[in-house]
Amino acid sequence: MQQDDMDYRIGARIRAEREVRGWSLTDLAARASVSRAMIHKVERGDSSPTANLLGKLSGAFGLSMSTLLARAEAAGGSLLRKDDQPIWTDPETGYLRRQVSPRSDLPVELVQINLPAGQEVPMPASAYTFIRQLIWVLKGDLVFVEGPLRHELHQGDCLQLGPPADCIFRNEGDRDCVYAVTILRDA
């Protein structure tokens, strides 16, 4: 799937989530603490949203970022082949997110992330309100800052995230970090 097509689908999903709630652009902007103009650009597909912006918008909707993106990305079915797995790239950092698991009624999702060397992605606590997560480092090193806690993760390490807190995914190394995130939605 091309990035432009993905930007359009994400924008359409954000607009649909906003409209189903009966919110104006101003309402969503206030709830997410972002500018109305930025939301408008994203909804039209004129601007590719950053991971931080998606975290704020999904939190305002009461969704995880993963759920918001999955609603924009994947079709149903029990098999999602690698070549068909939707990929989204943060235009600001190069953070690449691959939806590995097929869309289903199961309360679990599997996502693969590639975080380029020297990059960091902050996420608001609101993006984690309704989910539990495990982070498993597949390649490289990841620093995960969870509220006041700093976790240094190396290849093979797995971390269960605590209660929702503002966090930062940081690659302080000189090579890309690849990690898997298992997301369990609260029932």
C-alpha atoms as a PDB file:
ATOM      1  CA  MET A   1       0.000   0.000   0.000  1.00  0.00           C
ATOM      2  CA  GLN A   2       1.422   3.393  -0.980  1.00  0.00           C
ATOM      3  CA  GLN A   3       2.021   6.041   1.722  1.00  0.00           C
ATOM      4  CA  ASP A   4      -0.311   8.558  -0.018  1.00  0.00           C
ATOM      5  CA  ASP A   5      -3.113   5.979  -0.044  1.00  0.00           C
ATOM      6  CA  MET A   6      -2.423   5.215   3.612  1.00  0.00           C
ATOM      7  CA  ASP A   7      -2.525   8.930   4.520  1.00  0.00           C
ATOM      8  CA  TYR A   8      -5.895   9.234   2.787  1.00  0.00           C
ATOM      9  CA  ARG A   9      -7.270   6.148   4.581  1.00  0.00           C
ATOM     10  CA  ILE A  10      -6.036   7.386   7.971  1.00  0.00           C
ATOM     11  CA  GLY A  11      -7.578  10.798   7.315  1.00  0.00           C
ATOM     12  CA  ALA A  12     -10.889   9.236   6.316  1.00  0.00           C
ATOM     13  CA  ARG A  13     -10.860   7.064   9.446  1.00  0.00           C
ATOM     14  CA  ILE A  14     -10.185  10.053  11.704  1.00  0.00           C
ATOM     15  CA  ARG A  15     -13.023  11.965  10.061  1.00  0.00           C
ATOM     16  CA  ALA A  16     -15.342   8.941  10.448  1.00  0.00           C
ATOM     17  CA  GLU A  17     -14.430   8.531  14.147  1.00  0.00           C
ATOM     18  CA  ARG A  18     -15.024  12.252  14.723  1.00  0.00           C
ATOM     19  CA  GLU A  19     -18.336  12.325  12.849  1.00  0.00           C
ATOM     20  CA  VAL A  20     -19.758   9.200  14.497  1.00  0.00           C
ATOM     21  CA  ARG A  21     -19.264  10.988  17.828  1.00  0.00           C
ATOM     22  CA  GLY A  22     -20.953  14.131  16.503  1.00  0.00           C
ATOM     23  CA  TRP A  23     -17.807  16.207  17.125  1.00  0.00           C
ATOM     24  CA  SER A  24     -16.737  19.227  15.133  1.00  0.00           C
ATOM     25  CA  LEU A  25     -13.112  19.786  14.169  1.00  0.00           C
ATOM     26  CA  THR A  26     -12.963  22.280  17.034  1.00  0.00           C
ATOM     27  CA  ASP A  27     -14.278  19.661  19.491  1.00  0.00           C
ATOM     28  CA  LEU A  28     -11.639  17.123  18.454  1.00  0.00           C
ATOM     29  CA  ALA A  29      -8.872  19.734  18.492  1.00  0.00           C
ATOM     30  CA  ALA A  30      -9.767  20.676  22.072  1.00  0.00           C
ATOM     31  CA  ARG A  31      -9.969  17.049  23.243  1.00  0.00           C
ATOM     32  CA  ALA A  32      -6.656  16.092  21.596  1.00  0.00           C
ATOM     33  CA  SER A  33      -4.796  19.361  22.359  1.00  0.00           C
ATOM     34  CA  VAL A  34      -3.816  19.824  18.713  1.00  0.00           C
ATOM     35  CA  SER A  35      -4.659  22.508  16.164  1.00  0.00           C
ATOM     36  CA  ARG A  36      -7.904  22.400  14.221  1.00  0.00           C
ATOM     37  CA  ALA A  37      -5.965  23.230  11.036  1.00  0.00           C
ATOM     38  CA  MET A  38      -3.693  20.192  11.462  1.00  0.00           C
ATOM     39  CA  ILE A  39      -6.645  17.846  11.937  1.00  0.00           C
ATOM     40  CA  HIS A  40      -8.301  19.327   8.852  1.00  0.00           C
ATOM     41  CA  LYS A  41      -5.141  18.718   6.744  1.00  0.00           C
ATOM     42  CA  VAL A  42      -4.871  15.139   8.007  1.00  0.00           C
ATOM     43  CA  GLU A  43      -8.558  14.393   7.377  1.00  0.00           C
ATOM     44  CA  ARG A  44      -8.218  15.615   3.769  1.00  0.00           C
ATOM     45  CA  GLY A  45      -5.094  13.485   3.270  1.00  0.00           C
ATOM     46  CA  ASP A  46      -3.024  16.628   2.638  1.00  0.00           C
ATOM     47  CA  SER A  47      -0.660  15.940   5.533  1.00  0.00           C
ATOM     48  CA  SER A  48       0.799  12.703   6.825  1.00  0.00           C
ATOM     49  CA  PRO A  49       0.209  12.564  10.596  1.00  0.00           C
ATOM     50  CA  THR A  50       3.110  11.972  12.960  1.00  0.00           C
ATOM     51  CA  ALA A  51       3.035   9.128  15.463  1.00  0.00           C
ATOM     52  CA  ASN A  52       2.665  11.666  18.275  1.00  0.00           C
ATOM     53  CA  LEU A  53      -0.336  13.298  16.582  1.00  0.00           C
ATOM     54  CA  LEU A  54      -1.979   9.904  16.014  1.00  0.00           C
ATOM     55  CA  GLY A  55      -1.411   9.075  19.680  1.00  0.00           C
ATOM     56  CA  LYS A  56      -3.188  12.279  20.739  1.00  0.00           C
ATOM     57  CA  LEU A  57      -6.097  11.791  18.336  1.00  0.00           C
ATOM     58  CA  SER A  58      -6.608   8.129  19.217  1.00  0.00           C
ATOM     59  CA  GLY A  59      -6.527   9.001  22.919  1.00  0.00           C
ATOM     60  CA  ALA A  60      -9.192  11.664  22.359  1.00  0.00           C
ATOM     61  CA  PHE A  61     -11.366   8.987  20.719  1.00  0.00           C
ATOM     62  CA  GLY A  62     -10.757   6.556  23.584  1.00  0.00           C
ATOM     63  CA  LEU A  63      -8.919   4.194  21.234  1.00  0.00           C
ATOM     64  CA  SER A  64      -5.372   2.920  21.077  1.00  0.00           C
ATOM     65  CA  MET A  65      -3.281   4.184  18.180  1.00  0.00           C
ATOM     66  CA  SER A  66      -3.071   0.595  17.002  1.00  0.00           C
ATOM     67  CA  THR A  67      -6.868   0.261  16.910  1.00  0.00           C
ATOM     68  CA  LEU A  68      -7.259   3.547  15.039  1.00  0.00           C
ATOM     69  CA  LEU A  69      -4.679   2.486  12.445  1.00  0.00           C
ATOM     70  CA  ALA A  70      -6.082  -1.043  12.169  1.00  0.00           C
ATOM     71  CA  ARG A  71      -9.514   0.414  11.391  1.00  0.00           C
ATOM     72  CA  ALA A  72      -7.918   2.444   8.596  1.00  0.00           C
ATOM     73  CA  GLU A  73      -5.652  -0.300   7.278  1.00  0.00           C
ATOM     74  CA  ALA A  74      -6.722  -3.868   7.224  1.00  0.00           C
ATOM     75  CA  ALA A  75      -9.417  -5.917   5.636  1.00  0.00           C
ATOM     76  CA  GLY A  76     -10.753  -8.987   7.428  1.00  0.00           C
ATOM     77  CA  GLY A  77      -9.625 -12.571   6.989  1.00  0.00           C
ATOM     78  CA  SER A  78      -7.625 -15.070   8.990  1.00  0.00           C
ATOM     79  CA  LEU A  79      -4.413 -14.823   6.940  1.00  0.00           C
ATOM     80  CA  LEU A  80      -2.510 -11.604   6.332  1.00  0.00           C
ATOM     81  CA  ARG A  81       0.469 -12.303   4.096  1.00  0.00           C
ATOM     82  CA  LYS A  82       3.632 -10.237   4.553  1.00  0.00           C
ATOM     83  CA  ASP A  83       3.219  -8.466   1.203  1.00  0.00           C
ATOM     84  CA  ASP A  84      -0.324  -7.435   2.193  1.00  0.00           C
ATOM     85  CA  GLN A  85       0.495  -6.219   5.716  1.00  0.00           C
ATOM     86  CA  PRO A  86      -0.264  -2.504   5.900  1.00  0.00           C
ATOM     87  CA  ILE A  87       2.748  -0.283   6.577  1.00  0.00           C
ATOM     88  CA  TRP A  88       2.639   3.263   7.885  1.00  0.00           C
ATOM     89  CA  THR A  89       5.663   5.546   8.171  1.00  0.00           C
ATOM     90  CA  ASP A  90       5.898   8.546  10.501  1.00  0.00           C
ATOM     91  CA  PRO A  91       7.002  11.418   8.230  1.00  0.00           C
ATOM     92  CA  GLU A  92       8.868  13.109  11.073  1.00  0.00           C
ATOM     93  CA  THR A  93      11.051  10.250  12.356  1.00  0.00           C
ATOM     94  CA  GLY A  94      10.924   7.460   9.771  1.00  0.00           C
ATOM     95  CA  TYR A  95       9.304   5.196  12.417  1.00  0.00           C
ATOM     96  CA  LEU A  96       7.787   2.367  10.397  1.00  0.00           C
ATOM     97  CA  ARG A  97       4.779   0.423  11.668  1.00  0.00           C
ATOM     98  CA  ARG A  98       3.720  -2.891  10.109  1.00  0.00           C
ATOM     99  CA  GLN A  99       0.355  -4.404  11.063  1.00  0.00           C
ATOM    100  CA  VAL A 100       1.349  -8.080  11.288  1.00  0.00           C
ATOM    101  CA  SER A 101      -1.848  -9.652  12.621  1.00  0.00           C
ATOM    102  CA  PRO A 102      -5.002  -9.902  10.515  1.00  0.00           C
ATOM    103  CA  ARG A 103      -7.981  -7.826  11.571  1.00  0.00           C
ATOM    104  CA  SER A 104     -10.196 -10.030  13.709  1.00  0.00           C
ATOM    105  CA  ASP A 105     -12.511 -10.173  16.692  1.00  0.00           C
ATOM    106  CA  LEU A 106      -9.673 -11.436  18.894  1.00  0.00           C
ATOM    107  CA  PRO A 107      -8.662  -8.971  21.622  1.00  0.00           C
ATOM    108  CA  VAL A 108      -4.998  -9.166  20.569  1.00  0.00           C
ATOM    109  CA  GLU A 109      -2.924  -7.493  17.840  1.00  0.00           C
ATOM    110  CA  LEU A 110       0.662  -7.921  16.737  1.00  0.00           C
ATOM    111  CA  VAL A 111       2.608  -4.996  15.296  1.00  0.00           C
ATOM    112  CA  GLN A 112       6.229  -4.744  14.135  1.00  0.00           C
ATOM    113  CA  ILE A 113       8.064  -1.428  14.496  1.00  0.00           C
ATOM    114  CA  ASN A 114      11.295  -0.235  12.904  1.00  0.00           C
ATOM    115  CA  LEU A 115      12.673   2.766  14.813  1.00  0.00           C
ATOM    116  CA  PRO A 116      15.612   4.388  12.969  1.00  0.00           C
ATOM    117  CA  ALA A 117      18.875   5.124  14.765  1.00  0.00           C
ATOM    118  CA  GLY A 118      18.872   8.357  16.749  1.00  0.00           C
ATOM    119  CA  GLN A 119      15.076   8.797  16.656  1.00  0.00           C
ATOM    120  CA  GLU A 120      12.451   8.964  19.378  1.00  0.00           C
ATOM    121  CA  VAL A 121       8.676   8.894  19.373  1.00  0.00           C
ATOM    122  CA  PRO A 122       6.771  10.304  22.363  1.00  0.00           C
ATOM    123  CA  MET A 123       3.280   8.970  23.099  1.00  0.00           C
ATOM    124  CA  PRO A 124       0.689  10.381  25.484  1.00  0.00           C
ATOM    125  CA  ALA A 125      -0.762   8.183  28.224  1.00  0.00           C
ATOM    126  CA  SER A 126      -4.197   8.553  26.602  1.00  0.00           C
ATOM    127  CA  ALA A 127      -3.006   6.321  23.736  1.00  0.00           C
ATOM    128  CA  TYR A 128      -2.706   3.377  26.189  1.00  0.00           C
ATOM    129  CA  THR A 129      -5.803   3.786  28.312  1.00  0.00           C
ATOM    130  CA  PHE A 130      -7.722   0.746  27.064  1.00  0.00           C
ATOM    131  CA  ILE A 131      -4.921  -1.673  26.253  1.00  0.00           C
ATOM    132  CA  ARG A 132      -2.088  -3.698  27.737  1.00  0.00           C
ATOM    133  CA  GLN A 133       1.162  -4.195  25.841  1.00  0.00           C
ATOM    134  CA  LEU A 134       4.326  -6.229  25.611  1.00  0.00           C
ATOM    135  CA  ILE A 135       7.390  -4.918  23.778  1.00  0.00           C
ATOM    136  CA  TRP A 136       9.806  -7.544  22.433  1.00  0.00           C
ATOM    137  CA  VAL A 137      13.063  -6.299  20.920  1.00  0.00           C
ATOM    138  CA  LEU A 138      13.941  -8.322  17.827  1.00  0.00           C
ATOM    139  CA  LYS A 139      17.022  -6.398  16.671  1.00  0.00           C
ATOM    140  CA  GLY A 140      19.089  -3.572  18.138  1.00  0.00           C
ATOM    141  CA  ASP A 141      18.477  -1.667  21.377  1.00  0.00           C
ATOM    142  CA  LEU A 142      15.486   0.336  22.593  1.00  0.00           C
ATOM    143  CA  VAL A 143      15.179   2.788  25.437  1.00  0.00           C
ATOM    144  CA  PHE A 144      11.605   2.941  26.642  1.00  0.00           C
ATOM    145  CA  VAL A 145      10.773   5.777  29.020  1.00  0.00           C
ATOM    146  CA  GLU A 146       7.529   5.062  30.865  1.00  0.00           C
ATOM    147  CA  GLY A 147       6.609   8.009  33.083  1.00  0.00           C
ATOM    148  CA  PRO A 148       9.552   8.305  35.503  1.00  0.00           C
ATOM    149  CA  LEU A 149      10.968   4.855  34.602  1.00  0.00           C
ATOM    150  CA  ARG A 150      13.702   4.251  32.026  1.00  0.00           C
ATOM    151  CA  HIS A 151      13.974   0.746  30.578  1.00  0.00           C
ATOM    152  CA  GLU A 152      17.002  -0.217  28.466  1.00  0.00           C
ATOM    153  CA  LEU A 153      16.005  -3.143  26.267  1.00  0.00           C
ATOM    154  CA  HIS A 154      18.367  -5.236  24.158  1.00  0.00           C
ATOM    155  CA  GLN A 155      17.785  -7.873  21.498  1.00  0.00           C
ATOM    156  CA  GLY A 156      15.565 -10.623  22.918  1.00  0.00           C
ATOM    157  CA  ASP A 157      14.334  -8.578  25.916  1.00  0.00           C
ATOM    158  CA  CYS A 158      10.591  -8.333  26.520  1.00  0.00           C
ATOM    159  CA  LEU A 159       8.856  -5.689  28.651  1.00  0.00           C
ATOM    160  CA  GLN A 160       5.294  -5.611  29.921  1.00  0.00           C
ATOM    161  CA  LEU A 161       4.127  -2.006  30.093  1.00  0.00           C
ATOM    162  CA  GLY A 162       2.675  -0.735  33.340  1.00  0.00           C
ATOM    163  CA  PRO A 163      -0.372   1.485  33.847  1.00  0.00           C
ATOM    164  CA  PRO A 164      -0.877   4.161  31.160  1.00  0.00           C
ATOM    165  CA  ALA A 165       1.764   6.891  31.381  1.00  0.00           C
ATOM    166  CA  ASP A 166       3.296   9.369  28.977  1.00  0.00           C
ATOM    167  CA  CYS A 167       6.140   7.484  27.328  1.00  0.00           C
ATOM    168  CA  ILE A 168       8.936   7.743  24.805  1.00  0.00           C
ATOM    169  CA  PHE A 169      10.260   5.084  22.447  1.00  0.00           C
ATOM    170  CA  ARG A 170      13.917   6.039  21.872  1.00  0.00           C
ATOM    171  CA  ASN A 171      16.677   4.532  19.745  1.00  0.00           C
ATOM    172  CA  GLU A 172      19.939   5.901  21.133  1.00  0.00           C
ATOM    173  CA  GLY A 173      22.014   3.494  19.035  1.00  0.00           C
ATOM    174  CA  ASP A 174      23.653   3.816  15.642  1.00  0.00           C
ATOM    175  CA  ARG A 175      21.524   1.165  13.912  1.00  0.00           C
ATOM    176  CA  ASP A 176      17.807   0.616  13.486  1.00  0.00           C
ATOM    177  CA  CYS A 177      15.856  -1.059  16.260  1.00  0.00           C
ATOM    178  CA  VAL A 178      13.175  -3.555  15.295  1.00  0.00           C
ATOM    179  CA  TYR A 179      10.662  -4.597  17.918  1.00  0.00           C
ATOM    180  CA  ALA A 180       7.309  -6.306  18.135  1.00  0.00           C
ATOM    181  CA  VAL A 181       4.404  -4.974  20.154  1.00  0.00           C
ATOM    182  CA  THR A 182       1.685  -7.312  21.324  1.00  0.00           C
ATOM    183  CA  ILE A 183      -1.457  -5.374  22.174  1.00  0.00           C
ATOM    184  CA  LEU A 184      -4.213  -6.828  24.322  1.00  0.00           C
ATOM    185  CA  ARG A 185      -7.417  -4.801  24.291  1.00  0.00           C
ATOM    186  CA  ASP A 186      -9.288  -4.696  27.571  1.00  0.00           C
ATOM    187  CA  ALA A 187     -12.626  -6.440  27.318  1.00  0.00           C
END
